[in-house]
Protein backbone atom coordinates (compact mmCIF):
# COMPACT_ATOMS: atom_id res chain seq x y z
CA GLN A 1 4.49 2.25 23.12
CA VAL A 2 7.09 4.45 21.43
CA GLN A 3 6.52 5.45 17.83
CA LEU A 4 9.41 6.43 15.60
CA VAL A 5 8.81 8.34 12.39
CA GLU A 6 11.66 8.63 9.92
CA SER A 7 12.14 10.93 6.98
CA GLY A 8 14.83 12.21 4.65
CA GLY A 9 15.69 9.22 2.54
CA GLY A 10 15.96 9.41 -1.21
CA SER A 11 18.26 9.00 -4.18
CA VAL A 12 21.64 10.65 -4.54
CA GLN A 13 24.72 10.22 -6.66
CA ALA A 14 27.95 8.88 -5.21
CA GLY A 15 29.71 11.55 -3.23
CA GLY A 16 26.45 13.28 -2.36
CA SER A 17 24.80 13.95 0.97
CA LEU A 18 21.53 13.22 2.71
CA ARG A 19 20.16 13.97 6.17
CA LEU A 20 17.82 11.55 7.85
CA SER A 21 15.48 12.49 10.68
CA CYS A 22 13.70 10.38 13.25
CA THR A 23 11.13 11.74 15.67
CA ALA A 24 10.10 9.75 18.72
CA SER A 25 6.86 9.94 20.64
CA GLY A 26 6.80 9.92 24.42
CA ARG A 27 9.84 10.47 26.57
CA THR A 28 13.53 11.03 25.77
CA TYR A 29 15.48 7.94 24.76
CA ASN A 30 18.89 6.90 23.58
CA MET A 31 18.49 6.41 19.84
CA GLY A 32 20.39 4.99 16.95
CA TRP A 33 20.54 4.40 13.23
CA PHE A 34 20.91 1.06 11.51
CA ARG A 35 20.84 -0.01 7.89
CA GLN A 36 20.02 -3.11 5.92
CA ALA A 37 21.16 -3.64 2.35
CA PRO A 38 19.45 -6.20 0.11
CA GLY A 39 20.49 -9.71 1.06
CA LYS A 40 22.48 -8.55 4.08
CA GLU A 41 21.91 -8.38 7.79
CA ARG A 42 20.93 -5.19 9.51
CA GLU A 43 23.99 -3.37 10.80
CA PHE A 44 24.65 -0.68 13.34
CA VAL A 45 25.56 2.75 11.98
CA ALA A 46 25.57 5.14 14.94
CA ASP A 47 23.85 5.90 18.20
CA VAL A 48 23.44 8.90 20.46
CA THR A 49 22.57 9.08 24.14
CA TRP A 50 19.92 11.41 25.45
CA ARG A 51 22.80 13.55 26.77
CA GLY A 52 24.35 13.77 23.29
CA GLY A 53 27.20 11.28 23.49
CA SER A 54 27.66 9.43 20.19
CA ARG A 55 29.24 6.28 18.83
CA TYR A 56 29.79 5.11 15.28
CA ASN A 57 30.47 2.01 13.29
CA ALA A 58 33.91 3.45 12.73
CA ASP A 59 35.02 1.07 10.03
CA SER A 60 32.31 2.05 7.62
CA VAL A 61 31.24 5.62 8.35
CA LYS A 62 34.10 7.24 10.18
CA GLY A 63 34.48 10.88 9.31
CA ARG A 64 31.58 10.93 6.86
CA PHE A 65 28.45 10.48 8.99
CA ALA A 66 27.38 12.53 11.98
CA ILE A 67 24.57 11.75 14.40
CA SER A 68 22.97 14.50 16.44
CA ARG A 69 19.76 15.21 18.30
CA ASP A 70 17.38 17.93 19.36
CA ASN A 71 15.73 16.91 22.61
CA ALA A 72 13.23 19.75 22.42
CA LYS A 73 11.87 18.11 19.27
CA ASN A 74 12.63 14.53 20.40
CA THR A 75 14.36 14.13 17.05
CA VAL A 76 17.59 12.47 16.02
CA TYR A 77 19.42 13.24 12.80
CA LEU A 78 21.94 11.39 10.69
CA GLN A 79 23.96 13.58 8.36
CA MET A 80 25.52 11.41 5.67
CA ASN A 81 28.25 12.84 3.46
CA SER A 82 30.40 11.34 0.70
CA LEU A 83 27.89 8.56 0.18
CA LYS A 84 28.97 5.41 -1.63
CA PRO A 85 26.88 3.09 -3.84
CA GLU A 86 27.44 0.22 -1.42
CA GLU A 87 25.61 2.26 1.22
CA THR A 88 22.36 1.80 -0.63
CA ALA A 89 20.05 0.35 2.00
CA VAL A 90 16.95 0.84 4.08
CA TYR A 91 17.93 2.96 7.04
CA TYR A 92 16.14 2.32 10.31
CA CYS A 93 15.86 4.40 13.43
CA GLY A 94 15.87 2.55 16.72
CA ALA A 95 15.17 3.60 20.30
CA ASP A 96 16.25 2.17 23.62
CA GLY A 97 13.08 1.99 25.69
CA ARG A 98 14.85 2.89 28.93
CA ALA A 99 14.07 6.60 29.06
CA TYR A 100 16.96 8.79 30.22
CA TYR A 101 19.23 5.73 30.43
CA SER A 102 22.84 6.60 31.27
CA GLY A 103 24.51 3.22 30.92
CA SER A 104 26.82 2.21 28.07
CA SER A 105 24.66 -0.47 26.50
CA PHE A 106 22.11 0.11 23.77
CA GLN A 107 19.14 -2.12 23.21
CA THR A 108 16.74 -1.54 20.39
CA ASP A 109 13.30 -1.89 21.87
CA TYR A 110 11.53 0.09 19.16
CA TRP A 111 12.05 0.44 15.41
CA GLY A 112 10.92 2.94 12.84
CA GLN A 113 9.43 1.87 9.53
CA GLY A 114 12.65 2.50 7.62
CA THR A 115 13.56 4.94 4.89
CA GLN A 116 15.21 4.01 1.59
CA VAL A 117 18.56 5.50 0.67
CA THR A 118 19.78 4.84 -2.87
CA VAL A 119 23.24 5.90 -3.97
CA SER A 120 23.99 5.66 -7.68
CA SER A 121 27.43 5.49 -9.23
């Protein structure tokens, strides 16, 4: 069983920045960030392979968010800049349970508990 522990959420004014962290137990996995706003479905934000390759939900976060990882710490980060009020949501870390997977698909086998991000106008 993989455990994901998130941190770094909080409250910020529009235009501000936050950095989220997610540490995984066990082996090295492809990991991603998702978010769920009140009354909306959970949506993909970004993911990063264990080798460091990344993808983004380009329409919503292009140029403002950056995902990275430190394999020595088994930790993934999401740097969020120029935050907007509509990005207020619970942000979740997810992990693909296929350790060291090199394919193009991402399946979320494990979820973190979520961390609240609130952006005020």
